[in-house]
């Protein structure tokens, strides 16, 4: 599709051509993400834990999601600094954070997403992704980490299952607090592992 867009120029209706090739490219990306999620769930990669700066990891997640946040007309707040090093698989933890942040973007028409973290007394870190969206009804709240459970027409129901698996494999835990009209907050607690 990229080559077709680059090397072919239609003799008429160039705008429609650009729009249609853009739709096809976006759909290929969407289908690819779905296939990747199925593969990750079916055969999760082994953790590759290394020392990583948690502030940098969180900032990278925030910077990655920021264009989507801005395009949706939302705000992203950061509340973390001076967290130091952790022993984690940075790529997998990054994937978990991006899944949570994407869900927050998709859950809201307006509002704010907050990415926060702090050190806890027992040599653990706590990372939170909170949104000011519509919240999750109680009957759905207990199922959010179930594989294939989704309330979105285009969703696969695998994103939060993957987050749960990644957090669990790091020896951590994840909790969700939400109520209709009050937004949603996902809280991850992980051992620093140093």
C-alpha atoms as a PDB file:
ATOM      1  CA  UNK A   1       0.000   0.000   0.000  1.00  0.00           C
ATOM      2  CA  UNK A   2       2.852   2.362   0.799  1.00  0.00           C
ATOM      3  CA  UNK A   3       4.469   1.616  -2.554  1.00  0.00           C
ATOM      4  CA  UNK A   4       1.170   2.077  -4.393  1.00  0.00           C
ATOM      5  CA  UNK A   5       0.656   5.478  -2.759  1.00  0.00           C
ATOM      6  CA  UNK A   6       4.228   6.510  -3.495  1.00  0.00           C
ATOM      7  CA  UNK A   7       4.517   5.329  -7.113  1.00  0.00           C
ATOM      8  CA  UNK A   8       1.011   5.601  -8.573  1.00  0.00           C
ATOM      9  CA  UNK A   9      -0.829   8.818  -9.370  1.00  0.00           C
ATOM     10  CA  UNK A  10      -4.460   8.539 -10.471  1.00  0.00           C
ATOM     11  CA  UNK A  11      -5.502  10.474 -13.551  1.00  0.00           C
ATOM     12  CA  UNK A  12      -8.586  11.794 -11.741  1.00  0.00           C
ATOM     13  CA  UNK A  13     -10.058  11.908  -8.211  1.00  0.00           C
ATOM     14  CA  UNK A  14      -6.670  12.228  -6.479  1.00  0.00           C
ATOM     15  CA  UNK A  15      -8.281  13.246  -3.201  1.00  0.00           C
ATOM     16  CA  UNK A  16     -10.532  10.192  -3.132  1.00  0.00           C
ATOM     17  CA  UNK A  17      -7.572   7.982  -4.060  1.00  0.00           C
ATOM     18  CA  UNK A  18      -5.532   9.374  -1.158  1.00  0.00           C
ATOM     19  CA  UNK A  19      -8.438   8.876   1.217  1.00  0.00           C
ATOM     20  CA  UNK A  20      -9.102   5.289   0.131  1.00  0.00           C
ATOM     21  CA  UNK A  21      -5.446   4.242   0.264  1.00  0.00           C
ATOM     22  CA  UNK A  22      -5.226   5.849   3.704  1.00  0.00           C
ATOM     23  CA  UNK A  23      -8.215   3.809   4.896  1.00  0.00           C
ATOM     24  CA  UNK A  24      -6.688   0.590   3.563  1.00  0.00           C
ATOM     25  CA  UNK A  25      -3.337   1.332   5.247  1.00  0.00           C
ATOM     26  CA  UNK A  26      -5.062   2.105   8.568  1.00  0.00           C
ATOM     27  CA  UNK A  27      -7.096  -1.096   8.392  1.00  0.00           C
ATOM     28  CA  UNK A  28      -3.964  -3.167   7.677  1.00  0.00           C
ATOM     29  CA  UNK A  29      -2.351  -1.634  10.799  1.00  0.00           C
ATOM     30  CA  UNK A  30      -5.467  -2.372  12.865  1.00  0.00           C
ATOM     31  CA  UNK A  31      -5.622  -6.014  11.735  1.00  0.00           C
ATOM     32  CA  UNK A  32      -1.884  -6.381  12.377  1.00  0.00           C
ATOM     33  CA  UNK A  33      -2.341  -5.113  15.966  1.00  0.00           C
ATOM     34  CA  UNK A  34      -5.111  -7.664  16.516  1.00  0.00           C
ATOM     35  CA  UNK A  35      -2.944 -10.513  15.214  1.00  0.00           C
ATOM     36  CA  UNK A  36      -0.020  -9.357  17.385  1.00  0.00           C
ATOM     37  CA  UNK A  37      -2.252  -9.302  20.468  1.00  0.00           C
ATOM     38  CA  UNK A  38      -3.493 -12.833  19.794  1.00  0.00           C
ATOM     39  CA  UNK A  39       0.087 -14.043  19.387  1.00  0.00           C
ATOM     40  CA  UNK A  40       1.242 -12.286  22.566  1.00  0.00           C
ATOM     41  CA  UNK A  41      -1.585 -13.852  24.533  1.00  0.00           C
ATOM     42  CA  UNK A  42      -1.033 -17.316  23.034  1.00  0.00           C
ATOM     43  CA  UNK A  43       2.745 -17.395  23.501  1.00  0.00           C
ATOM     44  CA  UNK A  44       3.922 -14.614  25.764  1.00  0.00           C
ATOM     45  CA  UNK A  45       7.595 -13.741  25.444  1.00  0.00           C
ATOM     46  CA  UNK A  46       9.838 -14.442  28.431  1.00  0.00           C
ATOM     47  CA  UNK A  47      10.628 -11.403  30.531  1.00  0.00           C
ATOM     48  CA  UNK A  48      13.940  -9.720  29.761  1.00  0.00           C
ATOM     49  CA  UNK A  49      14.393  -7.823  33.016  1.00  0.00           C
ATOM     50  CA  UNK A  50      17.023  -5.118  33.103  1.00  0.00           C
ATOM     51  CA  UNK A  51      17.717  -2.046  35.153  1.00  0.00           C
ATOM     52  CA  UNK A  52      15.685   0.881  33.777  1.00  0.00           C
ATOM     53  CA  UNK A  53      15.003   4.439  34.832  1.00  0.00           C
ATOM     54  CA  UNK A  54      11.297   4.516  35.710  1.00  0.00           C
ATOM     55  CA  UNK A  55      10.902   8.252  35.020  1.00  0.00           C
ATOM     56  CA  UNK A  56      12.265   7.766  31.500  1.00  0.00           C
ATOM     57  CA  UNK A  57      10.044   4.745  30.891  1.00  0.00           C
ATOM     58  CA  UNK A  58       6.926   6.653  31.991  1.00  0.00           C
ATOM     59  CA  UNK A  59       7.900   9.713  29.968  1.00  0.00           C
ATOM     60  CA  UNK A  60       8.391   7.551  26.866  1.00  0.00           C
ATOM     61  CA  UNK A  61       4.884   6.096  27.314  1.00  0.00           C
ATOM     62  CA  UNK A  62       3.425   9.590  27.767  1.00  0.00           C
ATOM     63  CA  UNK A  63       5.258  10.950  24.711  1.00  0.00           C
ATOM     64  CA  UNK A  64       4.113   7.986  22.606  1.00  0.00           C
ATOM     65  CA  UNK A  65       0.431   8.454  23.457  1.00  0.00           C
ATOM     66  CA  UNK A  66       0.445  12.260  23.418  1.00  0.00           C
ATOM     67  CA  UNK A  67      -0.383  12.652  19.689  1.00  0.00           C
ATOM     68  CA  UNK A  68      -3.488  10.457  20.129  1.00  0.00           C
ATOM     69  CA  UNK A  69      -4.462  12.416  23.254  1.00  0.00           C
ATOM     70  CA  UNK A  70      -4.117  15.726  21.400  1.00  0.00           C
ATOM     71  CA  UNK A  71      -5.985  14.433  18.320  1.00  0.00           C
ATOM     72  CA  UNK A  72      -8.877  13.401  20.584  1.00  0.00           C
ATOM     73  CA  UNK A  73      -8.985  16.858  22.191  1.00  0.00           C
ATOM     74  CA  UNK A  74      -7.994  15.495  25.599  1.00  0.00           C
ATOM     75  CA  UNK A  75      -5.340  16.535  28.129  1.00  0.00           C
ATOM     76  CA  UNK A  76      -2.529  14.402  29.553  1.00  0.00           C
ATOM     77  CA  UNK A  77      -1.127  15.168  32.997  1.00  0.00           C
ATOM     78  CA  UNK A  78       2.115  13.722  34.333  1.00  0.00           C
ATOM     79  CA  UNK A  79       2.815  13.313  38.039  1.00  0.00           C
ATOM     80  CA  UNK A  80       6.123  11.519  38.534  1.00  0.00           C
ATOM     81  CA  UNK A  81       9.746  12.414  39.117  1.00  0.00           C
ATOM     82  CA  UNK A  82      12.796  11.153  40.959  1.00  0.00           C
ATOM     83  CA  UNK A  83      11.607   7.553  40.998  1.00  0.00           C
ATOM     84  CA  UNK A  84      14.997   6.071  40.176  1.00  0.00           C
ATOM     85  CA  UNK A  85      15.743   2.639  38.806  1.00  0.00           C
ATOM     86  CA  UNK A  86      13.630  -0.501  38.636  1.00  0.00           C
ATOM     87  CA  UNK A  87      14.383  -4.012  37.395  1.00  0.00           C
ATOM     88  CA  UNK A  88      11.756  -4.664  34.704  1.00  0.00           C
ATOM     89  CA  UNK A  89      11.243  -5.741  31.135  1.00  0.00           C
ATOM     90  CA  UNK A  90      10.965  -2.169  29.858  1.00  0.00           C
ATOM     91  CA  UNK A  91       9.398  -3.137  26.509  1.00  0.00           C
ATOM     92  CA  UNK A  92       6.648  -5.214  28.091  1.00  0.00           C
ATOM     93  CA  UNK A  93       5.951  -2.672  30.834  1.00  0.00           C
ATOM     94  CA  UNK A  94       5.823   0.020  28.141  1.00  0.00           C
ATOM     95  CA  UNK A  95       3.260  -2.098  26.253  1.00  0.00           C
ATOM     96  CA  UNK A  96       1.137  -2.449  29.398  1.00  0.00           C
ATOM     97  CA  UNK A  97       1.200   1.309  30.017  1.00  0.00           C
ATOM     98  CA  UNK A  98       0.322   2.076  26.396  1.00  0.00           C
ATOM     99  CA  UNK A  99      -2.621  -0.334  26.531  1.00  0.00           C
ATOM    100  CA  UNK A 100      -3.950   1.452  29.636  1.00  0.00           C
ATOM    101  CA  UNK A 101      -3.371   4.896  28.135  1.00  0.00           C
ATOM    102  CA  UNK A 102      -5.031   3.945  24.821  1.00  0.00           C
ATOM    103  CA  UNK A 103      -8.050   2.610  26.686  1.00  0.00           C
ATOM    104  CA  UNK A 104      -8.313   5.913  28.545  1.00  0.00           C
ATOM    105  CA  UNK A 105      -8.175   7.869  25.263  1.00  0.00           C
ATOM    106  CA  UNK A 106     -10.842   5.652  23.709  1.00  0.00           C
ATOM    107  CA  UNK A 107     -13.094   5.893  26.776  1.00  0.00           C
ATOM    108  CA  UNK A 108     -13.464   9.677  26.732  1.00  0.00           C
ATOM    109  CA  UNK A 109     -14.923  12.354  24.505  1.00  0.00           C
ATOM    110  CA  UNK A 110     -13.508  15.145  26.696  1.00  0.00           C
ATOM    111  CA  UNK A 111     -11.441  15.282  29.831  1.00  0.00           C
ATOM    112  CA  UNK A 112      -8.050  14.499  31.307  1.00  0.00           C
ATOM    113  CA  UNK A 113      -5.826  11.450  31.552  1.00  0.00           C
ATOM    114  CA  UNK A 114      -3.345  11.333  34.422  1.00  0.00           C
ATOM    115  CA  UNK A 115      -0.182   9.213  34.478  1.00  0.00           C
ATOM    116  CA  UNK A 116       1.266   9.165  37.989  1.00  0.00           C
ATOM    117  CA  UNK A 117       3.778   7.118  39.934  1.00  0.00           C
ATOM    118  CA  UNK A 118       5.314   7.000  43.383  1.00  0.00           C
ATOM    119  CA  UNK A 119       7.680   4.931  45.485  1.00  0.00           C
ATOM    120  CA  UNK A 120       6.063   2.927  48.279  1.00  0.00           C
ATOM    121  CA  UNK A 121       7.632   2.155  51.658  1.00  0.00           C
ATOM    122  CA  UNK A 122       8.011  -1.577  51.017  1.00  0.00           C
ATOM    123  CA  UNK A 123      10.436  -1.246  48.067  1.00  0.00           C
ATOM    124  CA  UNK A 124       7.630  -1.249  45.545  1.00  0.00           C
ATOM    125  CA  UNK A 125       6.477   1.296  42.988  1.00  0.00           C
ATOM    126  CA  UNK A 126       2.940   2.295  42.236  1.00  0.00           C
ATOM    127  CA  UNK A 127       1.929   3.466  38.765  1.00  0.00           C
ATOM    128  CA  UNK A 128      -1.549   4.822  38.088  1.00  0.00           C
ATOM    129  CA  UNK A 129      -3.416   5.656  34.896  1.00  0.00           C
ATOM    130  CA  UNK A 130      -6.588   7.574  35.642  1.00  0.00           C
ATOM    131  CA  UNK A 131      -9.168   9.187  33.395  1.00  0.00           C
ATOM    132  CA  UNK A 132     -12.088  11.528  33.947  1.00  0.00           C
ATOM    133  CA  UNK A 133     -14.309   9.561  31.585  1.00  0.00           C
ATOM    134  CA  UNK A 134     -17.727   7.999  32.053  1.00  0.00           C
ATOM    135  CA  UNK A 135     -16.511   5.172  34.296  1.00  0.00           C
ATOM    136  CA  UNK A 136     -17.237   1.464  34.105  1.00  0.00           C
ATOM    137  CA  UNK A 137     -20.539  -0.064  35.275  1.00  0.00           C
ATOM    138  CA  UNK A 138     -20.150  -2.539  38.201  1.00  0.00           C
ATOM    139  CA  UNK A 139     -21.281  -5.559  36.135  1.00  0.00           C
ATOM    140  CA  UNK A 140     -18.510  -4.879  33.588  1.00  0.00           C
ATOM    141  CA  UNK A 141     -15.868  -3.902  36.142  1.00  0.00           C
ATOM    142  CA  UNK A 142     -15.398  -7.458  37.408  1.00  0.00           C
ATOM    143  CA  UNK A 143     -14.743  -8.704  33.852  1.00  0.00           C
ATOM    144  CA  UNK A 144     -12.316  -6.082  32.478  1.00  0.00           C
ATOM    145  CA  UNK A 145      -9.277  -8.393  32.705  1.00  0.00           C
ATOM    146  CA  UNK A 146     -11.063 -11.385  31.139  1.00  0.00           C
ATOM    147  CA  UNK A 147      -9.710 -12.356  27.707  1.00  0.00           C
ATOM    148  CA  UNK A 148     -12.015 -11.318  24.848  1.00  0.00           C
ATOM    149  CA  UNK A 149     -14.247  -9.151  27.052  1.00  0.00           C
ATOM    150  CA  UNK A 150     -14.839  -5.807  25.374  1.00  0.00           C
ATOM    151  CA  UNK A 151     -17.572  -3.216  25.133  1.00  0.00           C
ATOM    152  CA  UNK A 152     -16.163  -1.616  21.970  1.00  0.00           C
ATOM    153  CA  UNK A 153     -17.264  -2.736  18.511  1.00  0.00           C
ATOM    154  CA  UNK A 154     -13.669  -2.694  17.199  1.00  0.00           C
ATOM    155  CA  UNK A 155     -12.043  -4.043  20.368  1.00  0.00           C
ATOM    156  CA  UNK A 156     -10.565  -7.517  20.736  1.00  0.00           C
ATOM    157  CA  UNK A 157     -10.812  -7.708  24.506  1.00  0.00           C
ATOM    158  CA  UNK A 158      -7.130  -8.618  24.739  1.00  0.00           C
ATOM    159  CA  UNK A 159      -5.500  -5.331  25.805  1.00  0.00           C
ATOM    160  CA  UNK A 160      -6.296  -5.497  29.516  1.00  0.00           C
ATOM    161  CA  UNK A 161      -5.674  -9.261  29.604  1.00  0.00           C
ATOM    162  CA  UNK A 162      -2.160  -8.574  28.328  1.00  0.00           C
ATOM    163  CA  UNK A 163      -1.673  -5.815  30.909  1.00  0.00           C
ATOM    164  CA  UNK A 164      -2.726  -8.209  33.680  1.00  0.00           C
ATOM    165  CA  UNK A 165      -0.343 -10.910  32.422  1.00  0.00           C
ATOM    166  CA  UNK A 166       2.617  -8.517  32.140  1.00  0.00           C
ATOM    167  CA  UNK A 167       2.061  -7.105  35.622  1.00  0.00           C
ATOM    168  CA  UNK A 168       1.632 -10.587  37.133  1.00  0.00           C
ATOM    169  CA  UNK A 169       4.812 -11.878  35.473  1.00  0.00           C
ATOM    170  CA  UNK A 170       6.693  -8.975  37.070  1.00  0.00           C
ATOM    171  CA  UNK A 171       5.476 -10.149  40.480  1.00  0.00           C
ATOM    172  CA  UNK A 172       3.069  -7.255  40.724  1.00  0.00           C
ATOM    173  CA  UNK A 173      -0.639  -6.681  40.890  1.00  0.00           C
ATOM    174  CA  UNK A 174      -3.118  -4.446  39.129  1.00  0.00           C
ATOM    175  CA  UNK A 175      -6.390  -3.069  40.437  1.00  0.00           C
ATOM    176  CA  UNK A 176      -9.138  -1.041  38.847  1.00  0.00           C
ATOM    177  CA  UNK A 177     -11.414   1.431  40.602  1.00  0.00           C
ATOM    178  CA  UNK A 178     -14.302   2.947  38.713  1.00  0.00           C
ATOM    179  CA  UNK A 179     -17.883   4.060  38.998  1.00  0.00           C
ATOM    180  CA  UNK A 180     -20.267   5.459  36.396  1.00  0.00           C
ATOM    181  CA  UNK A 181     -19.730   9.202  36.064  1.00  0.00           C
ATOM    182  CA  UNK A 182     -16.542   9.181  38.169  1.00  0.00           C
ATOM    183  CA  UNK A 183     -13.858   8.051  35.751  1.00  0.00           C
ATOM    184  CA  UNK A 184     -11.560   5.040  35.991  1.00  0.00           C
ATOM    185  CA  UNK A 185      -8.234   4.458  37.732  1.00  0.00           C
ATOM    186  CA  UNK A 186      -5.913   1.515  37.049  1.00  0.00           C
ATOM    187  CA  UNK A 187      -3.232   1.072  39.712  1.00  0.00           C
ATOM    188  CA  UNK A 188      -0.169  -1.140  39.185  1.00  0.00           C
ATOM    189  CA  UNK A 189       2.117  -2.111  42.036  1.00  0.00           C
ATOM    190  CA  UNK A 190       5.464  -3.658  41.167  1.00  0.00           C
ATOM    191  CA  UNK A 191       8.532  -4.659  43.154  1.00  0.00           C
ATOM    192  CA  UNK A 192      11.491  -2.414  42.308  1.00  0.00           C
ATOM    193  CA  UNK A 193      13.458  -5.621  41.866  1.00  0.00           C
ATOM    194  CA  UNK A 194      16.877  -4.134  42.629  1.00  0.00           C
END
